[in-house]
């Protein structure tokens, strides 16, 4: 049994032509494409973790030890290390992704469920029903109150 990553079209998540081939395989429904994609994602995740750890460690280093060439080399090393770690399945993130996506693909989509269970021809704006304005019962009489006028007070203009 051959390892699917060894025969992978994308050797690294930075290989854009290989990722294009991988996308074509996925669109054709190749099951190995899902596994390869999950491993490429795991490699990217590991590389981001390594980069974060290296940046946290570089805070303590002096400028005499650091250089742009060293940072470039460390970045390339981290990328290659992440690809190799994902091939060995050290974290298991790729397995989780494959399992999760496979479960999602086996379930019917929301559009399919709506086609099966939604009523046909449901109007967006249902017609309005007229309101009956006729009185069915006599109106209650209002209590009569006697309003008394206020007494007028003389104004005092100062």
N, C-alpha and C. Protein backbone atom coordinates (compact mmCIF):
# COMPACT_ATOMS: atom_id res chain seq x y z
N UNK A 1 0.85 -1.18 0.00
CA UNK A 1 0.00 0.00 0.00
C UNK A 1 0.89 1.24 0.00
N UNK A 2 0.67 2.12 -0.93
CA UNK A 2 1.51 3.31 -1.04
C UNK A 2 0.91 4.44 -0.22
N UNK A 3 1.79 5.25 0.30
CA UNK A 3 1.37 6.42 1.08
C UNK A 3 0.80 7.46 0.13
N UNK A 4 -0.42 7.98 0.38
CA UNK A 4 -1.01 8.92 -0.55
C UNK A 4 -0.25 10.24 -0.64
N UNK A 5 0.49 10.59 0.39
CA UNK A 5 1.23 11.85 0.35
C UNK A 5 2.46 11.73 -0.53
N UNK A 6 3.09 10.55 -0.58
CA UNK A 6 4.27 10.37 -1.41
C UNK A 6 3.91 10.61 -2.87
N UNK A 7 2.74 10.15 -3.30
CA UNK A 7 2.30 10.35 -4.67
C UNK A 7 1.48 11.62 -4.83
N UNK A 8 1.53 12.48 -3.83
CA UNK A 8 0.73 13.70 -3.84
C UNK A 8 1.19 14.65 -4.93
N UNK A 9 0.24 15.37 -5.47
CA UNK A 9 0.58 16.36 -6.48
C UNK A 9 1.15 17.62 -5.84
N UNK A 10 0.75 17.94 -4.61
CA UNK A 10 1.26 19.11 -3.91
C UNK A 10 2.22 18.64 -2.83
N UNK A 11 3.51 18.87 -3.03
CA UNK A 11 4.51 18.44 -2.05
C UNK A 11 4.52 19.35 -0.84
N UNK A 12 4.07 20.57 -1.01
CA UNK A 12 4.03 21.54 0.08
C UNK A 12 2.82 22.43 -0.13
N UNK A 13 2.34 23.02 0.95
CA UNK A 13 1.21 23.93 0.82
C UNK A 13 1.61 25.22 0.10
N UNK A 14 2.91 25.40 -0.16
CA UNK A 14 3.38 26.56 -0.92
C UNK A 14 3.47 26.26 -2.42
N UNK A 15 3.27 25.01 -2.83
CA UNK A 15 3.33 24.59 -4.23
C UNK A 15 1.97 24.85 -4.87
N UNK A 16 1.82 26.01 -5.49
CA UNK A 16 0.52 26.43 -6.00
C UNK A 16 0.05 25.61 -7.20
N UNK A 17 0.95 25.18 -8.05
CA UNK A 17 0.52 24.35 -9.18
C UNK A 17 0.05 22.98 -8.69
N UNK A 18 0.75 22.45 -7.69
CA UNK A 18 0.31 21.19 -7.10
C UNK A 18 -1.02 21.32 -6.39
N UNK A 19 -1.25 22.46 -5.75
CA UNK A 19 -2.54 22.69 -5.09
C UNK A 19 -3.66 22.83 -6.11
N UNK A 20 -3.34 23.37 -7.30
CA UNK A 20 -4.33 23.44 -8.37
C UNK A 20 -4.73 22.04 -8.84
N UNK A 21 -3.75 21.14 -8.96
CA UNK A 21 -4.05 19.76 -9.33
C UNK A 21 -4.88 19.08 -8.24
N UNK A 22 -4.55 19.37 -6.99
CA UNK A 22 -5.28 18.81 -5.86
C UNK A 22 -6.73 19.29 -5.87
N UNK A 23 -6.93 20.54 -6.23
CA UNK A 23 -8.29 21.07 -6.32
C UNK A 23 -9.08 20.37 -7.42
N UNK A 24 -8.41 20.11 -8.55
CA UNK A 24 -9.07 19.38 -9.64
C UNK A 24 -9.49 17.99 -9.22
N UNK A 25 -8.61 17.31 -8.45
CA UNK A 25 -8.96 15.97 -7.96
C UNK A 25 -10.16 16.04 -7.01
N UNK A 26 -10.18 17.06 -6.17
CA UNK A 26 -11.28 17.19 -5.21
C UNK A 26 -12.60 17.45 -5.93
N UNK A 27 -12.57 18.22 -7.00
CA UNK A 27 -13.79 18.50 -7.74
C UNK A 27 -14.31 17.26 -8.46
N UNK A 28 -13.40 16.33 -8.79
CA UNK A 28 -13.81 15.08 -9.43
C UNK A 28 -14.29 14.06 -8.41
N UNK A 29 -14.15 14.37 -7.12
CA UNK A 29 -14.65 13.48 -6.07
C UNK A 29 -13.64 12.43 -5.64
N UNK A 30 -12.36 12.66 -5.87
CA UNK A 30 -11.32 11.72 -5.44
C UNK A 30 -11.20 11.77 -3.92
N UNK A 31 -11.31 10.61 -3.25
CA UNK A 31 -11.25 10.56 -1.79
C UNK A 31 -9.85 10.89 -1.26
N UNK A 32 -8.83 10.58 -2.04
CA UNK A 32 -7.47 10.88 -1.58
C UNK A 32 -7.22 12.39 -1.53
N UNK A 33 -7.96 13.14 -2.33
CA UNK A 33 -7.77 14.60 -2.35
C UNK A 33 -8.17 15.20 -1.00
N UNK A 34 -9.20 14.64 -0.37
CA UNK A 34 -9.60 15.13 0.95
C UNK A 34 -8.49 14.91 1.96
N UNK A 35 -7.88 13.74 1.94
CA UNK A 35 -6.79 13.42 2.86
C UNK A 35 -5.60 14.34 2.62
N UNK A 36 -5.24 14.53 1.36
CA UNK A 36 -4.10 15.39 1.03
C UNK A 36 -4.36 16.83 1.47
N UNK A 37 -5.57 17.29 1.23
CA UNK A 37 -5.92 18.66 1.62
C UNK A 37 -5.86 18.82 3.13
N UNK A 38 -6.34 17.84 3.85
CA UNK A 38 -6.30 17.90 5.31
C UNK A 38 -4.85 17.92 5.81
N UNK A 39 -3.98 17.15 5.17
CA UNK A 39 -2.58 17.14 5.58
C UNK A 39 -1.89 18.45 5.23
N UNK A 40 -2.26 19.06 4.11
CA UNK A 40 -1.69 20.37 3.77
C UNK A 40 -2.14 21.42 4.77
N UNK A 41 -3.40 21.34 5.20
CA UNK A 41 -3.89 22.27 6.21
C UNK A 41 -3.16 22.06 7.53
N UNK A 42 -2.96 20.80 7.90
CA UNK A 42 -2.23 20.50 9.14
C UNK A 42 -0.80 21.04 9.06
N UNK A 43 -0.17 20.93 7.90
CA UNK A 43 1.19 21.46 7.73
C UNK A 43 1.20 22.98 7.91
N UNK A 44 0.21 23.65 7.36
CA UNK A 44 0.12 25.10 7.51
C UNK A 44 -0.09 25.47 8.97
N UNK A 45 -0.92 24.73 9.66
CA UNK A 45 -1.18 24.98 11.08
C UNK A 45 0.09 24.78 11.91
N UNK A 46 0.81 23.70 11.65
CA UNK A 46 2.05 23.43 12.38
C UNK A 46 3.07 24.53 12.10
N UNK A 47 3.16 24.96 10.84
CA UNK A 47 4.12 26.01 10.49
C UNK A 47 3.81 27.30 11.23
N UNK A 48 2.52 27.64 11.38
CA UNK A 48 2.15 28.84 12.12
C UNK A 48 2.50 28.71 13.60
N UNK A 49 2.34 27.50 14.15
CA UNK A 49 2.72 27.27 15.54
C UNK A 49 4.24 27.43 15.72
N UNK A 50 5.01 26.83 14.82
CA UNK A 50 6.47 26.93 14.91
C UNK A 50 6.93 28.37 14.79
N UNK A 51 6.28 29.12 13.89
CA UNK A 51 6.65 30.52 13.70
C UNK A 51 6.37 31.32 14.98
N UNK A 52 5.22 31.08 15.59
CA UNK A 52 4.88 31.77 16.84
C UNK A 52 5.85 31.42 17.95
N UNK A 53 6.22 30.16 18.06
CA UNK A 53 7.17 29.75 19.09
C UNK A 53 8.54 30.38 18.85
N UNK A 54 8.96 30.43 17.58
CA UNK A 54 10.27 31.01 17.28
C UNK A 54 10.27 32.51 17.57
N UNK A 55 9.16 33.20 17.25
CA UNK A 55 9.09 34.63 17.54
C UNK A 55 9.14 34.89 19.03
N UNK A 56 8.49 34.05 19.82
CA UNK A 56 8.52 34.21 21.27
C UNK A 56 9.92 33.97 21.80
N UNK A 57 10.67 33.08 21.18
CA UNK A 57 12.03 32.77 21.61
C UNK A 57 13.01 33.85 21.15
N UNK A 58 12.73 34.48 20.00
CA UNK A 58 13.65 35.48 19.45
C UNK A 58 13.65 36.79 20.23
N UNK A 59 12.69 36.99 21.09
CA UNK A 59 12.64 38.22 21.87
C UNK A 59 13.87 38.31 22.76
N UNK A 60 14.35 37.18 23.24
CA UNK A 60 15.48 37.15 24.17
C UNK A 60 16.83 37.23 23.47
N UNK A 61 16.89 36.98 22.17
CA UNK A 61 18.17 36.97 21.47
C UNK A 61 18.63 38.39 21.18
N UNK A 62 19.93 38.55 21.10
CA UNK A 62 20.48 39.88 20.82
C UNK A 62 20.58 40.09 19.31
N UNK A 63 20.84 41.32 18.92
CA UNK A 63 20.96 41.65 17.50
C UNK A 63 22.24 41.09 16.90
N UNK A 64 23.20 40.71 17.72
CA UNK A 64 24.45 40.14 17.21
C UNK A 64 24.23 38.74 16.63
N UNK A 65 23.29 38.02 17.19
CA UNK A 65 23.04 36.65 16.75
C UNK A 65 22.05 36.62 15.59
N UNK A 66 21.13 37.56 15.54
CA UNK A 66 20.08 37.57 14.53
C UNK A 66 20.54 38.29 13.26
N UNK A 67 20.05 37.79 12.12
CA UNK A 67 20.25 38.45 10.83
C UNK A 67 19.10 38.07 9.92
N UNK A 68 18.96 38.78 8.82
CA UNK A 68 17.89 38.47 7.87
C UNK A 68 18.09 37.09 7.24
N UNK A 69 19.34 36.74 6.99
CA UNK A 69 19.62 35.42 6.41
C UNK A 69 19.21 34.31 7.37
N UNK A 70 19.50 34.51 8.65
CA UNK A 70 19.14 33.51 9.65
C UNK A 70 17.62 33.39 9.76
N UNK A 71 16.90 34.52 9.73
CA UNK A 71 15.44 34.48 9.79
C UNK A 71 14.85 33.79 8.58
N UNK A 72 15.43 34.03 7.39
CA UNK A 72 14.97 33.37 6.18
C UNK A 72 15.18 31.86 6.28
N UNK A 73 16.38 31.47 6.72
CA UNK A 73 16.67 30.05 6.86
C UNK A 73 15.73 29.40 7.87
N UNK A 74 15.50 30.04 9.00
CA UNK A 74 14.61 29.48 10.02
C UNK A 74 13.18 29.34 9.49
N UNK A 75 12.73 30.34 8.70
CA UNK A 75 11.39 30.26 8.12
C UNK A 75 11.25 29.09 7.16
N UNK A 76 12.26 28.90 6.29
CA UNK A 76 12.23 27.77 5.36
C UNK A 76 12.31 26.43 6.10
N UNK A 77 13.13 26.41 7.14
CA UNK A 77 13.26 25.19 7.95
C UNK A 77 11.93 24.86 8.62
N UNK A 78 11.26 25.88 9.16
CA UNK A 78 9.97 25.65 9.80
C UNK A 78 8.94 25.13 8.81
N UNK A 79 8.94 25.67 7.60
CA UNK A 79 7.99 25.21 6.58
C UNK A 79 8.22 23.75 6.24
N UNK A 80 9.48 23.38 6.02
CA UNK A 80 9.78 22.00 5.67
C UNK A 80 9.50 21.06 6.85
N UNK A 81 9.84 21.51 8.05
CA UNK A 81 9.57 20.71 9.24
C UNK A 81 8.07 20.47 9.41
N UNK A 82 7.26 21.49 9.14
CA UNK A 82 5.81 21.35 9.29
C UNK A 82 5.25 20.36 8.28
N UNK A 83 5.76 20.37 7.06
CA UNK A 83 5.29 19.41 6.05
C UNK A 83 5.65 18.00 6.46
N UNK A 84 6.88 17.80 6.95
CA UNK A 84 7.30 16.46 7.37
C UNK A 84 6.50 15.98 8.58
N UNK A 85 6.21 16.89 9.53
CA UNK A 85 5.42 16.50 10.70
C UNK A 85 4.00 16.13 10.31
N UNK A 86 3.43 16.85 9.34
CA UNK A 86 2.06 16.51 8.92
C UNK A 86 2.03 15.18 8.18
N UNK A 87 3.09 14.83 7.47
CA UNK A 87 3.14 13.54 6.79
C UNK A 87 3.19 12.39 7.79
N UNK A 88 3.83 12.63 8.93
CA UNK A 88 3.93 11.59 9.96
C UNK A 88 2.69 11.52 10.83
N UNK A 89 1.79 12.46 10.65
CA UNK A 89 0.52 12.49 11.39
C UNK A 89 0.77 12.59 12.90
N UNK A 90 1.65 13.52 13.28
CA UNK A 90 1.99 13.68 14.69
C UNK A 90 0.86 14.28 15.51
N UNK A 91 0.16 15.25 14.97
CA UNK A 91 -0.90 15.92 15.72
C UNK A 91 -2.25 15.24 15.61
N UNK A 92 -2.52 14.65 14.48
CA UNK A 92 -3.83 14.02 14.27
C UNK A 92 -4.89 15.00 13.80
N UNK A 93 -4.49 16.23 13.49
CA UNK A 93 -5.45 17.22 13.02
C UNK A 93 -6.03 16.82 11.67
N UNK A 94 -5.20 16.26 10.80
CA UNK A 94 -5.68 15.84 9.48
C UNK A 94 -6.74 14.75 9.61
N UNK A 95 -6.52 13.80 10.54
CA UNK A 95 -7.51 12.74 10.75
C UNK A 95 -8.85 13.32 11.21
N UNK A 96 -8.79 14.29 12.12
CA UNK A 96 -10.02 14.93 12.60
C UNK A 96 -10.74 15.64 11.47
N UNK A 97 -9.99 16.35 10.64
CA UNK A 97 -10.60 17.07 9.53
C UNK A 97 -11.25 16.11 8.54
N UNK A 98 -10.56 15.03 8.22
CA UNK A 98 -11.10 14.05 7.27
C UNK A 98 -12.38 13.45 7.83
N UNK A 99 -12.37 13.09 9.11
CA UNK A 99 -13.56 12.51 9.74
C UNK A 99 -14.73 13.49 9.72
N UNK A 100 -14.45 14.74 10.08
CA UNK A 100 -15.51 15.76 10.15
C UNK A 100 -16.10 16.05 8.77
N UNK A 101 -15.25 16.22 7.78
CA UNK A 101 -15.73 16.54 6.44
C UNK A 101 -16.47 15.35 5.84
N UNK A 102 -16.01 14.14 6.11
CA UNK A 102 -16.70 12.95 5.60
C UNK A 102 -18.10 12.84 6.19
N UNK A 103 -18.24 13.16 7.48
CA UNK A 103 -19.57 13.15 8.09
C UNK A 103 -20.47 14.21 7.48
N UNK A 104 -19.90 15.36 7.21
CA UNK A 104 -20.69 16.45 6.61
C UNK A 104 -21.13 16.09 5.20
N UNK A 105 -20.28 15.40 4.45
CA UNK A 105 -20.63 15.03 3.08
C UNK A 105 -21.69 13.94 3.05
N UNK A 106 -21.75 13.09 4.08
CA UNK A 106 -22.73 12.01 4.08
C UNK A 106 -24.12 12.51 4.44
N UNK A 107 -24.23 13.66 5.06
CA UNK A 107 -25.53 14.21 5.41
C UNK A 107 -26.08 15.01 4.24
N UNK A 108 -27.41 15.03 4.06
CA UNK A 108 -27.98 15.82 2.97
C UNK A 108 -27.79 17.32 3.25
N UNK A 109 -27.69 18.08 2.20
CA UNK A 109 -27.48 19.51 2.35
C UNK A 109 -28.77 20.20 2.80
N UNK A 110 -28.62 21.42 3.25
CA UNK A 110 -29.78 22.19 3.69
C UNK A 110 -30.74 22.43 2.53
N UNK A 111 -30.20 22.68 1.35
CA UNK A 111 -31.05 22.91 0.18
C UNK A 111 -31.88 21.66 -0.14
N UNK A 112 -31.25 20.50 -0.03
CA UNK A 112 -32.00 19.25 -0.29
C UNK A 112 -33.10 19.05 0.74
N UNK A 113 -32.79 19.33 2.01
CA UNK A 113 -33.80 19.17 3.07
C UNK A 113 -34.96 20.14 2.87
N UNK A 114 -34.68 21.35 2.43
CA UNK A 114 -35.74 22.32 2.19
C UNK A 114 -36.62 21.90 1.02
N UNK A 115 -36.00 21.31 0.00
CA UNK A 115 -36.79 20.83 -1.14
C UNK A 115 -37.75 19.72 -0.73
N UNK A 116 -37.30 18.88 0.19
CA UNK A 116 -38.13 17.76 0.63
C UNK A 116 -39.26 18.19 1.56
N UNK A 117 -38.98 19.10 2.47
CA UNK A 117 -39.92 19.39 3.55
C UNK A 117 -40.63 20.74 3.46
N UNK A 118 -40.19 21.62 2.61
CA UNK A 118 -40.84 22.94 2.54
C UNK A 118 -42.13 22.84 1.73
N UNK A 119 -43.15 23.55 2.15
CA UNK A 119 -44.40 23.54 1.37
C UNK A 119 -44.17 24.23 0.02
N UNK A 120 -44.88 23.73 -0.95
CA UNK A 120 -44.73 24.29 -2.31
C UNK A 120 -45.49 25.59 -2.42
N UNK A 121 -44.93 26.55 -3.06
CA UNK A 121 -45.60 27.81 -3.35
C UNK A 121 -45.93 28.64 -2.13
N UNK A 122 -45.09 28.65 -1.15
CA UNK A 122 -45.35 29.45 0.04
C UNK A 122 -45.09 30.91 -0.30
N UNK A 123 -46.12 31.77 -0.18
CA UNK A 123 -45.93 33.16 -0.57
C UNK A 123 -45.04 33.91 0.43
N UNK A 124 -44.24 34.80 -0.10
CA UNK A 124 -43.40 35.61 0.77
C UNK A 124 -44.23 36.65 1.51
N UNK A 125 -45.18 37.27 0.81
CA UNK A 125 -46.07 38.26 1.42
C UNK A 125 -47.49 37.74 1.28
N UNK A 126 -48.02 37.11 2.32
CA UNK A 126 -49.38 36.58 2.21
C UNK A 126 -50.38 37.72 2.05
N UNK A 127 -51.52 37.46 1.38
CA UNK A 127 -52.50 38.54 1.19
C UNK A 127 -53.07 38.97 2.55
N UNK A 128 -53.32 40.26 2.65
CA UNK A 128 -53.86 40.82 3.88
C UNK A 128 -55.35 40.55 3.97
N UNK A 129 -55.82 40.25 5.16
CA UNK A 129 -57.24 40.02 5.38
C UNK A 129 -57.87 41.34 5.84
N UNK A 130 -59.06 41.67 5.31
CA UNK A 130 -59.68 42.92 5.73
C UNK A 130 -60.14 42.85 7.18
N UNK A 131 -60.11 43.98 7.85
CA UNK A 131 -60.55 44.06 9.23
C UNK A 131 -62.04 44.43 9.26
N UNK A 132 -62.83 43.74 10.04
CA UNK A 132 -64.25 44.03 10.18
C UNK A 132 -64.41 45.25 11.07
N UNK A 133 -64.95 46.32 10.52
CA UNK A 133 -65.10 47.56 11.26
C UNK A 133 -66.50 47.74 11.83
N UNK A 134 -67.41 46.84 11.54
CA UNK A 134 -68.76 46.97 12.07
C UNK A 134 -68.75 46.69 13.55
N UNK A 135 -69.61 47.43 14.27
CA UNK A 135 -69.69 47.24 15.71
C UNK A 135 -70.65 46.09 15.98
N UNK A 136 -70.19 45.20 16.75
CA UNK A 136 -71.05 44.09 17.12
C UNK A 136 -71.74 44.33 18.45
N UNK A 137 -71.15 45.12 19.29
CA UNK A 137 -71.74 45.43 20.59
C UNK A 137 -71.78 46.95 20.74
N UNK A 138 -72.78 47.43 21.45
CA UNK A 138 -72.84 48.89 21.62
C UNK A 138 -71.63 49.37 22.42
N UNK A 139 -71.23 50.56 22.10
CA UNK A 139 -70.10 51.14 22.80
C UNK A 139 -70.49 51.45 24.23
N UNK A 140 -69.58 51.30 25.12
CA UNK A 140 -69.85 51.60 26.53
C UNK A 140 -69.92 53.11 26.71
N UNK A 141 -70.89 53.57 27.44
CA UNK A 141 -70.96 55.02 27.65
C UNK A 141 -69.84 55.47 28.59
N UNK A 142 -69.33 56.61 28.28
CA UNK A 142 -68.29 57.19 29.12
C UNK A 142 -68.93 57.80 30.36
N UNK A 143 -68.30 57.69 31.49
CA UNK A 143 -68.88 58.31 32.69
C UNK A 143 -68.89 59.82 32.53
N UNK A 144 -69.98 60.39 32.95
CA UNK A 144 -70.08 61.84 32.84
C UNK A 144 -69.38 62.47 34.03
N UNK A 145 -68.55 63.36 33.74
CA UNK A 145 -67.85 64.09 34.78
C UNK A 145 -68.21 65.55 34.62
N UNK A 146 -68.38 66.10 35.70
CA UNK A 146 -68.68 67.52 35.68
C UNK A 146 -67.36 68.26 35.80
N UNK A 147 -67.09 69.01 34.79
CA UNK A 147 -65.86 69.79 34.82
C UNK A 147 -66.18 71.16 35.39
N UNK A 148 -65.45 71.52 36.37
CA UNK A 148 -65.63 72.83 36.97
C UNK A 148 -64.56 73.75 36.43
N UNK A 149 -64.94 74.93 36.09
CA UNK A 149 -63.92 75.86 35.61
C UNK A 149 -63.03 76.29 36.78
N UNK A 150 -61.81 76.53 36.46
CA UNK A 150 -60.87 77.00 37.48
C UNK A 150 -61.19 78.43 37.84
N UNK A 151 -61.04 78.73 39.07
CA UNK A 151 -61.30 80.14 39.45
C UNK A 151 -60.20 81.03 38.89
N UNK A 152 -60.64 82.17 38.43
CA UNK A 152 -59.68 83.11 37.89
C UNK A 152 -59.06 83.90 39.03
N UNK A 153 -57.80 83.97 39.01
CA UNK A 153 -57.10 84.74 40.03
C UNK A 153 -56.53 85.97 39.36
N UNK A 154 -56.61 87.04 40.08
CA UNK A 154 -56.07 88.25 39.48
C UNK A 154 -54.56 88.15 39.35
N UNK A 155 -54.09 88.65 38.28
CA UNK A 155 -52.64 88.65 38.03
C UNK A 155 -52.00 89.80 38.76
N UNK A 156 -50.92 89.48 39.29
CA UNK A 156 -50.19 90.59 39.91
C UNK A 156 -48.99 90.90 39.04
N UNK A 157 -49.09 92.02 38.38
CA UNK A 157 -47.97 92.45 37.51
C UNK A 157 -47.00 93.28 38.35
N UNK A 158 -45.81 92.90 38.38
CA UNK A 158 -44.87 93.68 39.16
C UNK A 158 -43.99 94.48 38.29
